[in-house]
PDB file of N, CA and C in Angstrom:
ATOM      1  N   MET A   1     141.839 113.125  78.702  1.00  0.00           N
ATOM      2  CA  MET A   1     140.557 113.607  79.196  1.00  0.00           C
ATOM      3  C   MET A   1     140.497 115.125  79.046  1.00  0.00           C
ATOM      4  N   ALA A   2     139.442 115.599  78.413  1.00  0.00           N
ATOM      5  CA  ALA A   2     139.270 117.031  78.199  1.00  0.00           C
ATOM      6  C   ALA A   2     138.650 117.666  79.441  1.00  0.00           C
ATOM      7  N   PRO A   3     139.065 118.874  79.752  1.00  0.00           N
ATOM      8  CA  PRO A   3     138.438 119.576  80.877  1.00  0.00           C
ATOM      9  C   PRO A   3     137.015 119.991  80.511  1.00  0.00           C
ATOM     10  N   ALA A   4     136.291 120.416  81.499  1.00  0.00           N
ATOM     11  CA  ALA A   4     134.949 120.939  81.236  1.00  0.00           C
ATOM     12  C   ALA A   4     135.072 122.148  80.316  1.00  0.00           C
ATOM     13  N   ALA A   5     134.179 122.213  79.364  1.00  0.00           N
ATOM     14  CA  ALA A   5     134.155 123.354  78.450  1.00  0.00           C
ATOM     15  C   ALA A   5     133.161 124.377  78.979  1.00  0.00           C
ATOM     16  N   LYS A   6     133.476 125.634  78.775  1.00  0.00           N
ATOM     17  CA  LYS A   6     132.537 126.703  79.115  1.00  0.00           C
ATOM     18  C   LYS A   6     132.154 127.392  77.809  1.00  0.00           C
ATOM     19  N   ILE A   7     130.882 127.397  77.519  1.00  0.00           N
ATOM     20  CA  ILE A   7     130.361 128.097  76.349  1.00  0.00           C
ATOM     21  C   ILE A   7     129.728 129.386  76.846  1.00  0.00           C
ATOM     22  N   ILE A   8     130.067 130.474  76.181  1.00  0.00           N
ATOM     23  CA  ILE A   8     129.546 131.785  76.562  1.00  0.00           C
ATOM     24  C   ILE A   8     128.820 132.382  75.364  1.00  0.00           C
ATOM     25  N   ILE A   9     127.561 132.673  75.548  1.00  0.00           N
ATOM     26  CA  ILE A   9     126.780 133.416  74.557  1.00  0.00           C
ATOM     27  C   ILE A   9     126.507 134.765  75.203  1.00  0.00           C
ATOM     28  N   SER A  10     127.049 135.793  74.617  1.00  0.00           N
ATOM     29  CA  SER A  10     126.977 137.123  75.229  1.00  0.00           C
ATOM     30  C   SER A  10     126.261 138.098  74.301  1.00  0.00           C
ATOM     31  N   GLY A  11     125.281 138.802  74.849  1.00  0.00           N
ATOM     32  CA  GLY A  11     124.630 139.870  74.100  1.00  0.00           C
ATOM     33  C   GLY A  11     123.565 139.419  73.120  1.00  0.00           C
ATOM     34  N   LEU A  12     122.827 138.359  73.449  1.00  0.00           N
ATOM     35  CA  LEU A  12     121.729 137.911  72.588  1.00  0.00           C
ATOM     36  C   LEU A  12     120.586 138.922  72.717  1.00  0.00           C
ATOM     37  N   GLU A  13     120.348 139.678  71.663  1.00  0.00           N
ATOM     38  CA  GLU A  13     119.341 140.744  71.696  1.00  0.00           C
ATOM     39  C   GLU A  13     117.967 140.206  71.324  1.00  0.00           C
ATOM     40  N   VAL A  14     116.990 140.601  72.116  1.00  0.00           N
ATOM     41  CA  VAL A  14     115.620 140.128  71.938  1.00  0.00           C
ATOM     42  C   VAL A  14     114.681 141.312  72.130  1.00  0.00           C
ATOM     43  N   PHE A  15     113.731 141.482  71.225  1.00  0.00           N
ATOM     44  CA  PHE A  15     112.669 142.459  71.436  1.00  0.00           C
ATOM     45  C   PHE A  15     111.452 141.676  71.898  1.00  0.00           C
ATOM     46  N   ALA A  16     110.949 142.019  73.087  1.00  0.00           N
ATOM     47  CA  ALA A  16     109.856 141.240  73.668  1.00  0.00           C
ATOM     48  C   ALA A  16     108.974 142.131  74.538  1.00  0.00           C
ATOM     49  N   TYR A  17     107.951 141.526  75.119  1.00  0.00           N
ATOM     50  CA  TYR A  17     106.913 142.258  75.844  1.00  0.00           C
ATOM     51  C   TYR A  17     106.848 141.851  77.313  1.00  0.00           C
ATOM     52  N   HIS A  18     107.995 141.730  77.951  1.00  0.00           N
ATOM     53  CA  HIS A  18     108.045 141.392  79.370  1.00  0.00           C
ATOM     54  C   HIS A  18     108.015 142.667  80.199  1.00  0.00           C
ATOM     55  N   GLY A  19     107.337 142.616  81.341  1.00  0.00           N
ATOM     56  CA  GLY A  19     107.298 143.765  82.230  1.00  0.00           C
ATOM     57  C   GLY A  19     105.982 143.840  82.972  1.00  0.00           C
ATOM     58  N   CYS A  20     105.955 144.715  83.957  1.00  0.00           N
ATOM     59  CA  CYS A  20     104.779 144.853  84.823  1.00  0.00           C
ATOM     60  C   CYS A  20     103.854 145.982  84.401  1.00  0.00           C
ATOM     61  N   THR A  21     104.375 146.969  83.694  1.00  0.00           N
ATOM     62  CA  THR A  21     103.547 148.131  83.366  1.00  0.00           C
ATOM     63  C   THR A  21     102.769 147.902  82.073  1.00  0.00           C
ATOM     64  N   PRO A  22     101.628 148.571  81.931  1.00  0.00           N
ATOM     65  CA  PRO A  22     100.861 148.446  80.685  1.00  0.00           C
ATOM     66  C   PRO A  22     101.686 148.852  79.456  1.00  0.00           C
ATOM     67  N   GLU A  23     102.524 149.881  79.606  1.00  0.00           N
ATOM     68  CA  GLU A  23     103.349 150.332  78.478  1.00  0.00           C
ATOM     69  C   GLU A  23     104.310 149.232  78.027  1.00  0.00           C
ATOM     70  N   GLU A  24     104.941 148.558  78.976  1.00  0.00           N
ATOM     71  CA  GLU A  24     105.869 147.474  78.627  1.00  0.00           C
ATOM     72  C   GLU A  24     105.138 146.341  77.914  1.00  0.00           C
ATOM     73  N   LYS A  25     103.935 146.044  78.386  1.00  0.00           N
ATOM     74  CA  LYS A  25     103.163 144.951  77.804  1.00  0.00           C
ATOM     75  C   LYS A  25     102.669 145.297  76.401  1.00  0.00           C
ATOM     76  N   GLU A  26     102.417 146.579  76.134  1.00  0.00           N
ATOM     77  CA  GLU A  26     101.880 146.997  74.839  1.00  0.00           C
ATOM     78  C   GLU A  26     102.971 147.369  73.841  1.00  0.00           C
ATOM     79  N   GLN A  27     103.993 148.098  74.292  1.00  0.00           N
ATOM     80  CA  GLN A  27     105.007 148.616  73.373  1.00  0.00           C
ATOM     81  C   GLN A  27     106.216 147.702  73.231  1.00  0.00           C
ATOM     82  N   GLY A  28     106.480 146.889  74.235  1.00  0.00           N
ATOM     83  CA  GLY A  28     107.651 146.023  74.200  1.00  0.00           C
ATOM     84  C   GLY A  28     108.935 146.808  74.373  1.00  0.00           C
ATOM     85  N   GLN A  29     110.055 146.085  74.460  1.00  0.00           N
ATOM     86  CA  GLN A  29     111.354 146.718  74.622  1.00  0.00           C
ATOM     87  C   GLN A  29     112.462 145.704  74.377  1.00  0.00           C
ATOM     88  N   GLU A  30     113.675 146.201  74.342  1.00  0.00           N
ATOM     89  CA  GLU A  30     114.836 145.352  74.124  1.00  0.00           C
ATOM     90  C   GLU A  30     115.270 144.684  75.429  1.00  0.00           C
ATOM     91  N   PHE A  31     115.641 143.430  75.328  1.00  0.00           N
ATOM     92  CA  PHE A  31     116.273 142.673  76.402  1.00  0.00           C
ATOM     93  C   PHE A  31     117.547 142.079  75.836  1.00  0.00           C
ATOM     94  N   VAL A  32     118.523 141.881  76.687  1.00  0.00           N
ATOM     95  CA  VAL A  32     119.780 141.267  76.267  1.00  0.00           C
ATOM     96  C   VAL A  32     120.043 140.088  77.200  1.00  0.00           C
ATOM     97  N   ILE A  33     120.309 138.939  76.614  1.00  0.00           N
ATOM     98  CA  ILE A  33     120.499 137.715  77.397  1.00  0.00           C
ATOM     99  C   ILE A  33     121.929 137.213  77.231  1.00  0.00           C
ATOM    100  N   ASP A  34     122.556 136.905  78.357  1.00  0.00           N
ATOM    101  CA  ASP A  34     123.883 136.282  78.377  1.00  0.00           C
ATOM    102  C   ASP A  34     123.734 134.898  78.995  1.00  0.00           C
ATOM    103  N   ILE A  35     124.470 133.950  78.441  1.00  0.00           N
ATOM    104  CA  ILE A  35     124.439 132.578  78.947  1.00  0.00           C
ATOM    105  C   ILE A  35     125.870 132.082  79.082  1.00  0.00           C
ATOM    106  N   GLU A  36     126.166 131.465  80.199  1.00  0.00           N
ATOM    107  CA  GLU A  36     127.432 130.761  80.385  1.00  0.00           C
ATOM    108  C   GLU A  36     127.074 129.360  80.848  1.00  0.00           C
ATOM    109  N   LEU A  37     127.523 128.356  80.092  1.00  0.00           N
ATOM    110  CA  LEU A  37     127.229 126.989  80.513  1.00  0.00           C
ATOM    111  C   LEU A  37     128.487 126.142  80.468  1.00  0.00           C
ATOM    112  N   GLU A  38     128.563 125.221  81.392  1.00  0.00           N
ATOM    113  CA  GLU A  38     129.683 124.283  81.445  1.00  0.00           C
ATOM    114  C   GLU A  38     129.166 122.881  81.191  1.00  0.00           C
ATOM    115  N   TYR A  39     129.972 122.126  80.429  1.00  0.00           N
ATOM    116  CA  TYR A  39     129.625 120.725  80.195  1.00  0.00           C
ATOM    117  C   TYR A  39     130.889 119.930  79.951  1.00  0.00           C
ATOM    118  N   ASP A  40     130.791 118.625  80.110  1.00  0.00           N
ATOM    119  CA  ASP A  40     131.913 117.728  79.867  1.00  0.00           C
ATOM    120  C   ASP A  40     132.060 117.564  78.360  1.00  0.00           C
ATOM    121  N   ALA A  41     133.104 118.136  77.805  1.00  0.00           N
ATOM    122  CA  ALA A  41     133.304 118.145  76.361  1.00  0.00           C
ATOM    123  C   ALA A  41     134.187 117.006  75.866  1.00  0.00           C
ATOM    124  N   ALA A  42     134.474 116.036  76.717  1.00  0.00           N
ATOM    125  CA  ALA A  42     135.408 114.965  76.342  1.00  0.00           C
ATOM    126  C   ALA A  42     134.978 114.255  75.060  1.00  0.00           C
ATOM    127  N   ARG A  43     133.722 113.859  74.962  1.00  0.00           N
ATOM    128  CA  ARG A  43     133.258 113.156  73.756  1.00  0.00           C
ATOM    129  C   ARG A  43     133.303 114.056  72.537  1.00  0.00           C
ATOM    130  N   ALA A  44     132.924 115.312  72.701  1.00  0.00           N
ATOM    131  CA  ALA A  44     132.960 116.247  71.575  1.00  0.00           C
ATOM    132  C   ALA A  44     134.388 116.454  71.085  1.00  0.00           C
ATOM    133  N   VAL A  45     135.313 116.607  72.020  1.00  0.00           N
ATOM    134  CA  VAL A  45     136.714 116.823  71.660  1.00  0.00           C
ATOM    135  C   VAL A  45     137.287 115.578  70.986  1.00  0.00           C
ATOM    136  N   GLU A  46     137.018 114.428  71.557  1.00  0.00           N
ATOM    137  CA  GLU A  46     137.552 113.180  70.998  1.00  0.00           C
ATOM    138  C   GLU A  46     137.030 112.938  69.582  1.00  0.00           C
ATOM    139  N   ALA A  47     135.741 113.156  69.376  1.00  0.00           N
ATOM    140  CA  ALA A  47     135.130 112.920  68.069  1.00  0.00           C
ATOM    141  C   ALA A  47     135.300 114.103  67.119  1.00  0.00           C
ATOM    142  N   ASP A  48     135.607 115.270  67.668  1.00  0.00           N
ATOM    143  CA  ASP A  48     135.658 116.509  66.883  1.00  0.00           C
ATOM    144  C   ASP A  48     134.390 116.637  66.038  1.00  0.00           C
ATOM    145  N   ASP A  49     133.260 116.498  66.722  1.00  0.00           N
ATOM    146  CA  ASP A  49     131.976 116.392  66.040  1.00  0.00           C
ATOM    147  C   ASP A  49     130.935 117.255  66.754  1.00  0.00           C
ATOM    148  N   LEU A  50     130.301 118.140  66.002  1.00  0.00           N
ATOM    149  CA  LEU A  50     129.278 119.022  66.563  1.00  0.00           C
ATOM    150  C   LEU A  50     128.124 118.232  67.182  1.00  0.00           C
ATOM    151  N   ALA A  51     127.840 117.061  66.642  1.00  0.00           N
ATOM    152  CA  ALA A  51     126.749 116.245  67.181  1.00  0.00           C
ATOM    153  C   ALA A  51     127.005 115.829  68.628  1.00  0.00           C
ATOM    154  N   GLU A  52     128.253 115.849  69.064  1.00  0.00           N
ATOM    155  CA  GLU A  52     128.612 115.486  70.439  1.00  0.00           C
ATOM    156  C   GLU A  52     128.796 116.718  71.331  1.00  0.00           C
ATOM    157  N   ALA A  53     128.662 117.890  70.756  1.00  0.00           N
ATOM    158  CA  ALA A  53     128.915 119.149  71.473  1.00  0.00           C
ATOM    159  C   ALA A  53     127.601 119.891  71.709  1.00  0.00           C
ATOM    160  N   VAL A  54     127.680 120.997  72.404  1.00  0.00           N
ATOM    161  CA  VAL A  54     126.544 121.901  72.536  1.00  0.00           C
ATOM    162  C   VAL A  54     126.587 122.837  71.331  1.00  0.00           C
ATOM    163  N   ASP A  55     125.559 122.800  70.516  1.00  0.00           N
ATOM    164  CA  ASP A  55     125.472 123.641  69.320  1.00  0.00           C
ATOM    165  C   ASP A  55     124.988 125.024  69.760  1.00  0.00           C
ATOM    166  N   TYR A  56     125.924 125.951  69.921  1.00  0.00           N
ATOM    167  CA  TYR A  56     125.552 127.257  70.475  1.00  0.00           C
ATOM    168  C   TYR A  56     124.721 128.084  69.514  1.00  0.00           C
ATOM    169  N   ASP A  57     124.831 127.848  68.203  1.00  0.00           N
ATOM    170  CA  ASP A  57     123.973 128.549  67.250  1.00  0.00           C
ATOM    171  C   ASP A  57     122.520 128.112  67.450  1.00  0.00           C
ATOM    172  N   ARG A  58     122.316 126.823  67.525  1.00  0.00           N
ATOM    173  CA  ARG A  58     120.972 126.284  67.751  1.00  0.00           C
ATOM    174  C   ARG A  58     120.424 126.735  69.101  1.00  0.00           C
ATOM    175  N   LEU A  59     121.270 126.722  70.123  1.00  0.00           N
ATOM    176  CA  LEU A  59     120.841 127.137  71.455  1.00  0.00           C
ATOM    177  C   LEU A  59     120.401 128.601  71.463  1.00  0.00           C
ATOM    178  N   ALA A  60     121.161 129.461  70.800  1.00  0.00           N
ATOM    179  CA  ALA A  60     120.797 130.884  70.739  1.00  0.00           C
ATOM    180  C   ALA A  60     119.448 131.073  70.047  1.00  0.00           C
ATOM    181  N   LEU A  61     119.211 130.320  68.978  1.00  0.00           N
ATOM    182  CA  LEU A  61     117.916 130.405  68.293  1.00  0.00           C
ATOM    183  C   LEU A  61     116.781 129.949  69.207  1.00  0.00           C
ATOM    184  N   GLN A  62     117.008 128.877  69.956  1.00  0.00           N
ATOM    185  CA  GLN A  62     115.982 128.370  70.874  1.00  0.00           C
ATOM    186  C   GLN A  62     115.676 129.377  71.979  1.00  0.00           C
ATOM    187  N   VAL A  63     116.708 129.982  72.533  1.00  0.00           N
ATOM    188  CA  VAL A  63     116.514 130.959  73.609  1.00  0.00           C
ATOM    189  C   VAL A  63     115.781 132.186  73.074  1.00  0.00           C
ATOM    190  N   HIS A  64     116.140 132.633  71.877  1.00  0.00           N
ATOM    191  CA  HIS A  64     115.455 133.775  71.267  1.00  0.00           C
ATOM    192  C   HIS A  64     113.971 133.461  71.089  1.00  0.00           C
ATOM    193  N   GLU A  65     113.670 132.288  70.579  1.00  0.00           N
ATOM    194  CA  GLU A  65     112.286 131.892  70.360  1.00  0.00           C
ATOM    195  C   GLU A  65     111.522 131.799  71.681  1.00  0.00           C
ATOM    196  N   LEU A  66     112.151 131.219  72.688  1.00  0.00           N
ATOM    197  CA  LEU A  66     111.527 131.104  74.008  1.00  0.00           C
ATOM    198  C   LEU A  66     111.240 132.494  74.588  1.00  0.00           C
ATOM    199  N   ALA A  67     112.171 133.408  74.452  1.00  0.00           N
ATOM    200  CA  ALA A  67     112.033 134.746  75.044  1.00  0.00           C
ATOM    201  C   ALA A  67     110.982 135.590  74.339  1.00  0.00           C
ATOM    202  N   THR A  68     110.684 135.271  73.086  1.00  0.00           N
ATOM    203  CA  THR A  68     109.693 136.063  72.357  1.00  0.00           C
ATOM    204  C   THR A  68     108.324 135.392  72.292  1.00  0.00           C
ATOM    205  N   ARG A  69     108.253 134.108  72.606  1.00  0.00           N
ATOM    206  CA  ARG A  69     106.990 133.365  72.511  1.00  0.00           C
ATOM    207  C   ARG A  69     106.045 133.695  73.667  1.00  0.00           C
ATOM    208  N   GLU A  70     106.564 133.752  74.875  1.00  0.00           N
ATOM    209  CA  GLU A  70     105.749 134.006  76.062  1.00  0.00           C
ATOM    210  C   GLU A  70     105.973 135.437  76.561  1.00  0.00           C
ATOM    211  N   ARG A  71     105.078 135.882  77.430  1.00  0.00           N
ATOM    212  CA  ARG A  71     105.221 137.196  78.064  1.00  0.00           C
ATOM    213  C   ARG A  71     105.208 137.001  79.575  1.00  0.00           C
ATOM    214  N   TYR A  72     106.191 137.605  80.232  1.00  0.00           N
ATOM    215  CA  TYR A  72     106.310 137.483  81.684  1.00  0.00           C
ATOM    216  C   TYR A  72     106.343 138.864  82.313  1.00  0.00           C
ATOM    217  N   ASP A  73     105.806 138.983  83.515  1.00  0.00           N
ATOM    218  CA  ASP A  73     105.906 140.237  84.255  1.00  0.00           C
ATOM    219  C   ASP A  73     107.342 140.474  84.719  1.00  0.00           C
ATOM    220  N   LEU A  74     108.017 139.419  85.138  1.00  0.00           N
ATOM    221  CA  LEU A  74     109.341 139.550  85.755  1.00  0.00           C
ATOM    222  C   LEU A  74     110.443 138.996  84.866  1.00  0.00           C
ATOM    223  N   ILE A  75     111.584 139.694  84.833  1.00  0.00           N
ATOM    224  CA  ILE A  75     112.723 139.141  84.104  1.00  0.00           C
ATOM    225  C   ILE A  75     113.303 137.946  84.855  1.00  0.00           C
ATOM    226  N   GLU A  76     113.004 137.836  86.138  1.00  0.00           N
ATOM    227  CA  GLU A  76     113.394 136.651  86.893  1.00  0.00           C
ATOM    228  C   GLU A  76     112.730 135.396  86.307  1.00  0.00           C
ATOM    229  N   THR A  77     111.462 135.527  85.940  1.00  0.00           N
ATOM    230  CA  THR A  77     110.746 134.400  85.347  1.00  0.00           C
ATOM    231  C   THR A  77     111.341 134.045  83.996  1.00  0.00           C
ATOM    232  N   LEU A  78     111.666 135.044  83.196  1.00  0.00           N
ATOM    233  CA  LEU A  78     112.308 134.791  81.907  1.00  0.00           C
ATOM    234  C   LEU A  78     113.634 134.062  82.099  1.00  0.00           C
ATOM    235  N   ALA A  79     114.458 134.531  83.020  1.00  0.00           N
ATOM    236  CA  ALA A  79     115.750 133.885  83.282  1.00  0.00           C
ATOM    237  C   ALA A  79     115.553 132.442  83.734  1.00  0.00           C
ATOM    238  N   ALA A  80     114.558 132.203  84.583  1.00  0.00           N
ATOM    239  CA  ALA A  80     114.287 130.846  85.063  1.00  0.00           C
ATOM    240  C   ALA A  80     113.861 129.930  83.922  1.00  0.00           C
ATOM    241  N   ARG A  81     113.000 130.418  83.036  1.00  0.00           N
ATOM    242  CA  ARG A  81     112.543 129.595  81.905  1.00  0.00           C
ATOM    243  C   ARG A  81     113.700 129.276  80.964  1.00  0.00           C
ATOM    244  N   VAL A  82     114.573 130.238  80.727  1.00  0.00           N
ATOM    245  CA  VAL A  82     115.746 130.000  79.877  1.00  0.00           C
ATOM    246  C   VAL A  82     116.635 128.933  80.511  1.00  0.00           C
ATOM    247  N   GLY A  83     116.919 129.073  81.792  1.00  0.00           N
ATOM    248  CA  GLY A  83     117.763 128.103  82.480  1.00  0.00           C
ATOM    249  C   GLY A  83     117.165 126.711  82.473  1.00  0.00           C
ATOM    250  N   GLU A  84     115.876 126.616  82.731  1.00  0.00           N
ATOM    251  CA  GLU A  84     115.196 125.316  82.727  1.00  0.00           C
ATOM    252  C   GLU A  84     115.280 124.663  81.354  1.00  0.00           C
ATOM    253  N   HIS A  85     115.100 125.468  80.304  1.00  0.00           N
ATOM    254  CA  HIS A  85     115.188 124.950  78.936  1.00  0.00           C
ATOM    255  C   HIS A  85     116.583 124.404  78.640  1.00  0.00           C
ATOM    256  N   ILE A  86     117.599 125.157  79.028  1.00  0.00           N
ATOM    257  CA  ILE A  86     118.972 124.731  78.753  1.00  0.00           C
ATOM    258  C   ILE A  86     119.294 123.436  79.496  1.00  0.00           C
ATOM    259  N   LEU A  87     118.885 123.327  80.742  1.00  0.00           N
ATOM    260  CA  LEU A  87     119.127 122.082  81.484  1.00  0.00           C
ATOM    261  C   LEU A  87     118.384 120.901  80.860  1.00  0.00           C
ATOM    262  N   ARG A  88     117.219 121.172  80.320  1.00  0.00           N
ATOM    263  CA  ARG A  88     116.408 120.115  79.720  1.00  0.00           C
ATOM    264  C   ARG A  88     116.963 119.660  78.364  1.00  0.00           C
ATOM    265  N   THR A  89     117.621 120.554  77.627  1.00  0.00           N
ATOM    266  CA  THR A  89     117.979 120.252  76.235  1.00  0.00           C
ATOM    267  C   THR A  89     119.474 120.117  75.965  1.00  0.00           C
ATOM    268  N   THR A  90     120.308 120.327  76.964  1.00  0.00           N
ATOM    269  CA  THR A  90     121.754 120.207  76.766  1.00  0.00           C
ATOM    270  C   THR A  90     122.352 119.369  77.895  1.00  0.00           C
ATOM    271  N   PRO A  91     123.605 118.949  77.733  1.00  0.00           N
ATOM    272  CA  PRO A  91     124.278 118.230  78.815  1.00  0.00           C
ATOM    273  C   PRO A  91     124.956 119.158  79.827  1.00  0.00           C
ATOM    274  N   ALA A  92     124.524 120.402  79.895  1.00  0.00           N
ATOM    275  CA  ALA A  92     125.149 121.367  80.812  1.00  0.00           C
ATOM    276  C   ALA A  92     125.123 120.845  82.244  1.00  0.00           C
ATOM    277  N   SER A  93     126.263 120.945  82.917  1.00  0.00           N
ATOM    278  CA  SER A  93     126.325 120.571  84.333  1.00  0.00           C
ATOM    279  C   SER A  93     125.998 121.770  85.217  1.00  0.00           C
ATOM    280  N   SER A  94     126.295 122.958  84.712  1.00  0.00           N
ATOM    281  CA  SER A  94     125.951 124.192  85.421  1.00  0.00           C
ATOM    282  C   SER A  94     125.822 125.305  84.399  1.00  0.00           C
ATOM    283  N   LEU A  95     125.082 126.325  84.764  1.00  0.00           N
ATOM    284  CA  LEU A  95     124.949 127.458  83.861  1.00  0.00           C
ATOM    285  C   LEU A  95     124.547 128.704  84.617  1.00  0.00           C
ATOM    286  N   LEU A  96     124.798 129.811  83.956  1.00  0.00           N
ATOM    287  CA  LEU A  96     124.446 131.125  84.469  1.00  0.00           C
ATOM    288  C   LEU A  96     123.652 131.819  83.376  1.00  0.00           C
ATOM    289  N   VAL A  97     122.506 132.366  83.730  1.00  0.00           N
ATOM    290  CA  VAL A  97     121.680 133.120  82.791  1.00  0.00           C
ATOM    291  C   VAL A  97     121.553 134.531  83.335  1.00  0.00           C
ATOM    292  N   ARG A  98     121.848 135.498  82.490  1.00  0.00           N
ATOM    293  CA  ARG A  98     121.740 136.904  82.878  1.00  0.00           C
ATOM    294  C   ARG A  98     120.805 137.583  81.872  1.00  0.00           C
ATOM    295  N   VAL A  99     119.757 138.231  82.376  1.00  0.00           N
ATOM    296  CA  VAL A  99     118.827 138.967  81.526  1.00  0.00           C
ATOM    297  C   VAL A  99     118.959 140.444  81.860  1.00  0.00           C
ATOM    298  N   HIS A 100     119.370 141.221  80.863  1.00  0.00           N
ATOM    299  CA  HIS A 100     119.520 142.674  80.999  1.00  0.00           C
ATOM    300  C   HIS A 100     118.251 143.346  80.470  1.00  0.00           C
ATOM    301  N   LYS A 101     117.858 144.398  81.148  1.00  0.00           N
ATOM    302  CA  LYS A 101     116.709 145.201  80.728  1.00  0.00           C
ATOM    303  C   LYS A 101     117.210 146.643  80.636  1.00  0.00           C
ATOM    304  N   PRO A 102     117.814 146.998  79.490  1.00  0.00           N
ATOM    305  CA  PRO A 102     118.488 148.296  79.383  1.00  0.00           C
ATOM    306  C   PRO A 102     117.568 149.512  79.528  1.00  0.00           C
ATOM    307  N   HIS A 103     116.300 149.356  79.193  1.00  0.00           N
ATOM    308  CA  HIS A 103     115.395 150.515  79.210  1.00  0.00           C
ATOM    309  C   HIS A 103     114.248 150.322  80.201  1.00  0.00           C
ATOM    310  N   ALA A 104     114.571 149.770  81.350  1.00  0.00           N
ATOM    311  CA  ALA A 104     113.541 149.551  82.367  1.00  0.00           C
ATOM    312  C   ALA A 104     112.952 150.891  82.804  1.00  0.00           C
ATOM    313  N   PRO A 105     111.622 150.987  82.865  1.00  0.00           N
ATOM    314  CA  PRO A 105     111.012 152.234  83.318  1.00  0.00           C
ATOM    315  C   PRO A 105     111.219 152.394  84.826  1.00  0.00           C
ATOM    316  N   MET A 106     112.041 153.359  85.177  1.00  0.00           N
ATOM    317  CA  MET A 106     112.354 153.589  86.593  1.00  0.00           C
ATOM    318  C   MET A 106     112.312 155.079  86.875  1.00  0.00           C
ATOM    319  N   ARG A 107     112.049 155.421  88.123  1.00  0.00           N
ATOM    320  CA  ARG A 107     112.027 156.835  88.514  1.00  0.00           C
ATOM    321  C   ARG A 107     113.431 157.380  88.680  1.00  0.00           C
ATOM    322  N   GLN A 108     114.382 156.513  88.906  1.00  0.00           N
ATOM    323  CA  GLN A 108     115.785 156.918  89.067  1.00  0.00           C
ATOM    324  C   GLN A 108     116.548 156.544  87.799  1.00  0.00           C
ATOM    325  N   GLU A 109     117.415 157.426  87.336  1.00  0.00           N
ATOM    326  CA  GLU A 109     118.231 157.173  86.142  1.00  0.00           C
ATOM    327  C   GLU A 109     119.270 156.090  86.434  1.00  0.00           C
ATOM    328  N   VAL A 110     119.234 155.018  85.646  1.00  0.00           N
ATOM    329  CA  VAL A 110     120.236 153.952  85.746  1.00  0.00           C
ATOM    330  C   VAL A 110     120.623 153.533  84.328  1.00  0.00           C
ATOM    331  N   GLU A 111     121.791 152.948  84.220  1.00  0.00           N
ATOM    332  CA  GLU A 111     122.234 152.466  82.909  1.00  0.00           C
ATOM    333  C   GLU A 111     121.380 151.284  82.452  1.00  0.00           C
ATOM    334  N   GLU A 112     121.149 150.345  83.353  1.00  0.00           N
ATOM    335  CA  GLU A 112     120.299 149.196  83.066  1.00  0.00           C
ATOM    336  C   GLU A 112     120.033 148.445  84.362  1.00  0.00           C
ATOM    337  N   VAL A 113     119.084 147.537  84.292  1.00  0.00           N
ATOM    338  CA  VAL A 113     118.898 146.575  85.372  1.00  0.00           C
ATOM    339  C   VAL A 113     119.077 145.190  84.762  1.00  0.00           C
ATOM    340  N   ALA A 114     119.448 144.244  85.593  1.00  0.00           N
ATOM    341  CA  ALA A 114     119.629 142.874  85.125  1.00  0.00           C
ATOM    342  C   ALA A 114     119.353 141.925  86.273  1.00  0.00           C
ATOM    343  N   VAL A 115     119.028 140.704  85.913  1.00  0.00           N
ATOM    344  CA  VAL A 115     118.902 139.636  86.899  1.00  0.00           C
ATOM    345  C   VAL A 115     119.796 138.495  86.439  1.00  0.00           C
ATOM    346  N   GLU A 116     120.391 137.829  87.406  1.00  0.00           N
ATOM    347  CA  GLU A 116     121.298 136.728  87.108  1.00  0.00           C
ATOM    348  C   GLU A 116     120.850 135.519  87.919  1.00  0.00           C
ATOM    349  N   MET A 117     120.749 134.374  87.266  1.00  0.00           N
ATOM    350  CA  MET A 117     120.363 133.138  87.954  1.00  0.00           C
ATOM    351  C   MET A 117     121.363 132.048  87.622  1.00  0.00           C
ATOM    352  N   ALA A 118     121.759 131.316  88.648  1.00  0.00           N
ATOM    353  CA  ALA A 118     122.691 130.202  88.480  1.00  0.00           C
ATOM    354  C   ALA A 118     121.926 128.888  88.622  1.00  0.00           C
ATOM    355  N   PHE A 119     122.289 127.918  87.806  1.00  0.00           N
ATOM    356  CA  PHE A 119     121.642 126.605  87.810  1.00  0.00           C
ATOM    357  C   PHE A 119     122.703 125.519  87.862  1.00  0.00           C
ATOM    358  N   LYS A 120     122.375 124.427  88.497  1.00  0.00           N
ATOM    359  CA  LYS A 120     123.227 123.232  88.514  1.00  0.00           C
ATOM    360  C   LYS A 120     122.363 122.041  88.131  1.00  0.00           C
ATOM    361  N   ARG A 121     122.969 121.074  87.518  1.00  0.00           N
ATOM    362  CA  ARG A 121     122.234 119.890  87.065  1.00  0.00           C
ATOM    363  C   ARG A 121     121.467 119.230  88.212  1.00  0.00           C
ATOM    364  N   ASP A 122     122.004 119.217  89.433  1.00  0.00           N
ATOM    365  CA  ASP A 122     121.346 118.570  90.578  1.00  0.00           C
ATOM    366  C   ASP A 122     120.232 119.409  91.173  1.00  0.00           C
ATOM    367  N   GLY A 123     120.058 120.617  90.725  1.00  0.00           N
ATOM    368  CA  GLY A 123     119.058 121.534  91.272  1.00  0.00           C
ATOM    369  C   GLY A 123     119.570 122.946  91.140  1.00  0.00           C
ATOM    370  N   ARG A 124     118.778 123.895  91.593  1.00  0.00           N
ATOM    371  CA  ARG A 124     119.174 125.300  91.434  1.00  0.00           C
ATOM    372  C   ARG A 124     120.146 125.715  92.481  1.00  0.00           C
TER     373      ARG A 124
END
């Protein structure tokens, strides 16, 4: 029996138009998305077959498309939509979605802001 596998997609760069200010909505900016998901990889390991595994290349493309298709005021909403999509389309038992906003318009100098949301198959 194989242990649960953890797939980590780190640093998925997306240029999109999420934000609350008119400038963010018009000019857009860079976002960086990290995903950590766990799933039972026993069938994938036994078959040694991508069809039984989580295809992280395909998942990254789907998340990129999702993040650029819609526009949200809050990065919390973006993180929630990404998590909901992953639960709907993969056998993930749990996952963590982190959305970084490196150039958030703020009055105080910061390196970046980010939001992190955890999801479980039985609910959030």
